[in-house]
Amino acid sequence: MTPTGTVLPLLEADCCAPLGADALDPTSADRLAHAFKALSDPVRLRLLSLIAAAPDGEVCACDLAAPVGKSQPTVSHHLKVLREAGLVATRRRGTWVHYRVVPEQLATLRTLLAAPGSTGDA
């Protein structure tokens, strides 16, 4: 009954599709939200793009400051955020740190963004 005294009809139990069993669990949702938050910054998105496009799959951190037009400390901070979000992994070579994308994490984000039956066209 509404505040005005009107009785509303009950909805049929089968009026809506049931929730999907493939819904994210809270832990996965937190992890993926962290990754999406990391990608919400244009500099980090560009850094990830540069790393992903590297011919040999890895890029030295020293080579990333100039393409994004930021100082090395700023680039290092953004790379740390990407690493903590699980989007990139590192390998130390002498005094330099090389970055590579984590393909499994990118695939998970891609799958989550793809609507069922979507062709990818907007």
Protein backbone atom coordinates (compact mmCIF):
# COMPACT_ATOMS: atom_id res chain seq x y z
CA MET A 1 0.00 0.00 0.00
CA THR A 2 1.30 3.46 -0.86
CA PRO A 3 1.14 6.46 1.55
CA THR A 4 -2.03 7.57 -0.30
CA GLY A 5 -3.72 4.25 0.41
CA THR A 6 -3.45 2.88 -3.13
CA VAL A 7 -2.80 -0.83 -3.35
CA LEU A 8 -0.09 -1.72 -5.83
CA PRO A 9 -0.29 -5.00 -7.75
CA LEU A 10 2.27 -7.67 -6.98
CA LEU A 11 4.80 -8.45 -9.68
CA GLU A 12 4.88 -11.92 -11.05
CA ALA A 13 7.76 -13.97 -9.70
CA ASP A 14 9.10 -14.74 -13.16
CA CYS A 15 8.87 -11.20 -14.55
CA CYS A 16 12.60 -10.62 -14.58
CA ALA A 17 15.59 -12.66 -15.60
CA PRO A 18 17.47 -14.12 -12.64
CA LEU A 19 20.77 -12.61 -11.66
CA GLY A 20 23.71 -14.18 -13.43
CA ALA A 21 25.83 -16.69 -11.61
CA ASP A 22 28.89 -15.07 -13.22
CA ALA A 23 28.62 -11.93 -11.08
CA LEU A 24 31.84 -10.77 -9.43
CA ASP A 25 32.55 -11.80 -5.88
CA PRO A 26 33.55 -8.96 -3.50
CA THR A 27 37.27 -9.80 -3.61
CA SER A 28 37.38 -9.81 -7.41
CA ALA A 29 35.35 -6.61 -7.54
CA ASP A 30 37.83 -4.86 -5.21
CA ARG A 31 40.83 -6.07 -7.23
CA LEU A 32 39.31 -5.02 -10.55
CA ALA A 33 38.15 -1.67 -9.20
CA HIS A 34 41.75 -1.03 -8.13
CA ALA A 35 42.93 -1.80 -11.68
CA PHE A 36 40.29 0.42 -13.29
CA LYS A 37 41.15 3.23 -10.86
CA ALA A 38 44.80 2.93 -11.89
CA LEU A 39 43.77 3.29 -15.52
CA SER A 40 41.63 6.36 -14.84
CA ASP A 41 44.68 8.62 -15.08
CA PRO A 42 45.63 9.63 -18.65
CA VAL A 43 49.38 9.39 -17.94
CA ARG A 44 49.06 5.85 -16.58
CA LEU A 45 46.85 4.84 -19.49
CA ARG A 46 49.47 6.19 -21.90
CA LEU A 47 52.28 4.43 -20.03
CA LEU A 48 50.42 1.13 -20.20
CA SER A 49 49.85 1.67 -23.91
CA LEU A 50 53.54 2.38 -24.50
CA ILE A 51 54.59 -0.71 -22.57
CA ALA A 52 52.05 -2.91 -24.36
CA ALA A 53 53.25 -1.62 -27.74
CA ALA A 54 56.93 -2.30 -27.04
CA PRO A 55 58.44 -4.47 -29.79
CA ASP A 56 60.15 -6.86 -27.36
CA GLY A 57 57.38 -6.69 -24.74
CA GLU A 58 59.43 -4.77 -22.20
CA VAL A 59 60.39 -1.15 -21.72
CA CYS A 60 63.04 0.35 -19.48
CA ALA A 61 61.60 2.90 -17.06
CA CYS A 62 64.29 5.32 -18.24
CA ASP A 63 62.71 5.36 -21.72
CA LEU A 64 59.20 6.32 -20.59
CA ALA A 65 59.65 9.87 -19.26
CA ALA A 66 60.14 11.60 -22.63
CA PRO A 67 57.14 10.06 -24.45
CA VAL A 68 54.70 11.14 -21.72
CA GLY A 69 56.39 14.48 -21.06
CA LYS A 70 56.77 13.93 -17.33
CA SER A 71 59.76 13.83 -14.99
CA GLN A 72 61.34 10.50 -14.09
CA PRO A 73 60.07 10.63 -10.47
CA THR A 74 56.51 11.26 -11.72
CA VAL A 75 56.76 8.40 -14.20
CA SER A 76 58.13 6.13 -11.47
CA HIS A 77 55.15 6.99 -9.26
CA HIS A 78 52.68 6.18 -12.06
CA LEU A 79 54.48 2.91 -12.84
CA LYS A 80 54.28 1.97 -9.15
CA VAL A 81 50.50 2.50 -9.23
CA LEU A 82 50.22 0.31 -12.35
CA ARG A 83 52.38 -2.37 -10.72
CA GLU A 84 50.35 -2.33 -7.48
CA ALA A 85 47.17 -2.71 -9.56
CA GLY A 86 48.63 -5.83 -11.17
CA LEU A 87 48.69 -4.30 -14.65
CA VAL A 88 52.46 -4.40 -15.14
CA ALA A 89 55.27 -6.55 -13.85
CA THR A 90 58.93 -5.63 -13.42
CA ARG A 91 62.33 -7.13 -13.99
CA ARG A 92 65.53 -5.54 -12.76
CA ARG A 93 68.46 -5.49 -15.18
CA GLY A 94 71.45 -4.04 -13.40
CA THR A 95 70.40 -0.62 -12.14
CA TRP A 96 67.42 -0.35 -14.51
CA VAL A 97 63.89 -1.63 -14.06
CA HIS A 98 62.07 -2.96 -17.11
CA TYR A 99 58.29 -3.09 -17.28
CA ARG A 100 55.99 -5.47 -19.14
CA VAL A 101 52.20 -5.80 -19.16
CA VAL A 102 50.45 -8.61 -17.32
CA PRO A 103 48.32 -10.09 -20.13
CA GLU A 104 46.05 -12.05 -17.79
CA GLN A 105 44.99 -8.90 -15.93
CA LEU A 106 44.31 -7.04 -19.18
CA ALA A 107 42.30 -10.00 -20.47
CA THR A 108 40.21 -9.99 -17.28
CA LEU A 109 39.46 -6.27 -17.67
CA ARG A 110 38.65 -6.74 -21.36
CA THR A 111 36.27 -9.61 -20.59
CA LEU A 112 34.53 -7.65 -17.88
CA LEU A 113 33.95 -4.71 -20.23
CA ALA A 114 32.64 -6.86 -23.07
CA ALA A 115 28.88 -7.22 -22.85
CA PRO A 116 27.55 -10.71 -23.66
CA GLY A 117 26.83 -10.92 -27.37
CA SER A 118 28.59 -7.63 -28.02
CA THR A 119 30.49 -7.16 -31.26
CA GLY A 120 32.61 -4.41 -29.72
CA ASP A 121 31.02 -1.75 -31.93
CA ALA A 122 29.78 1.34 -30.14
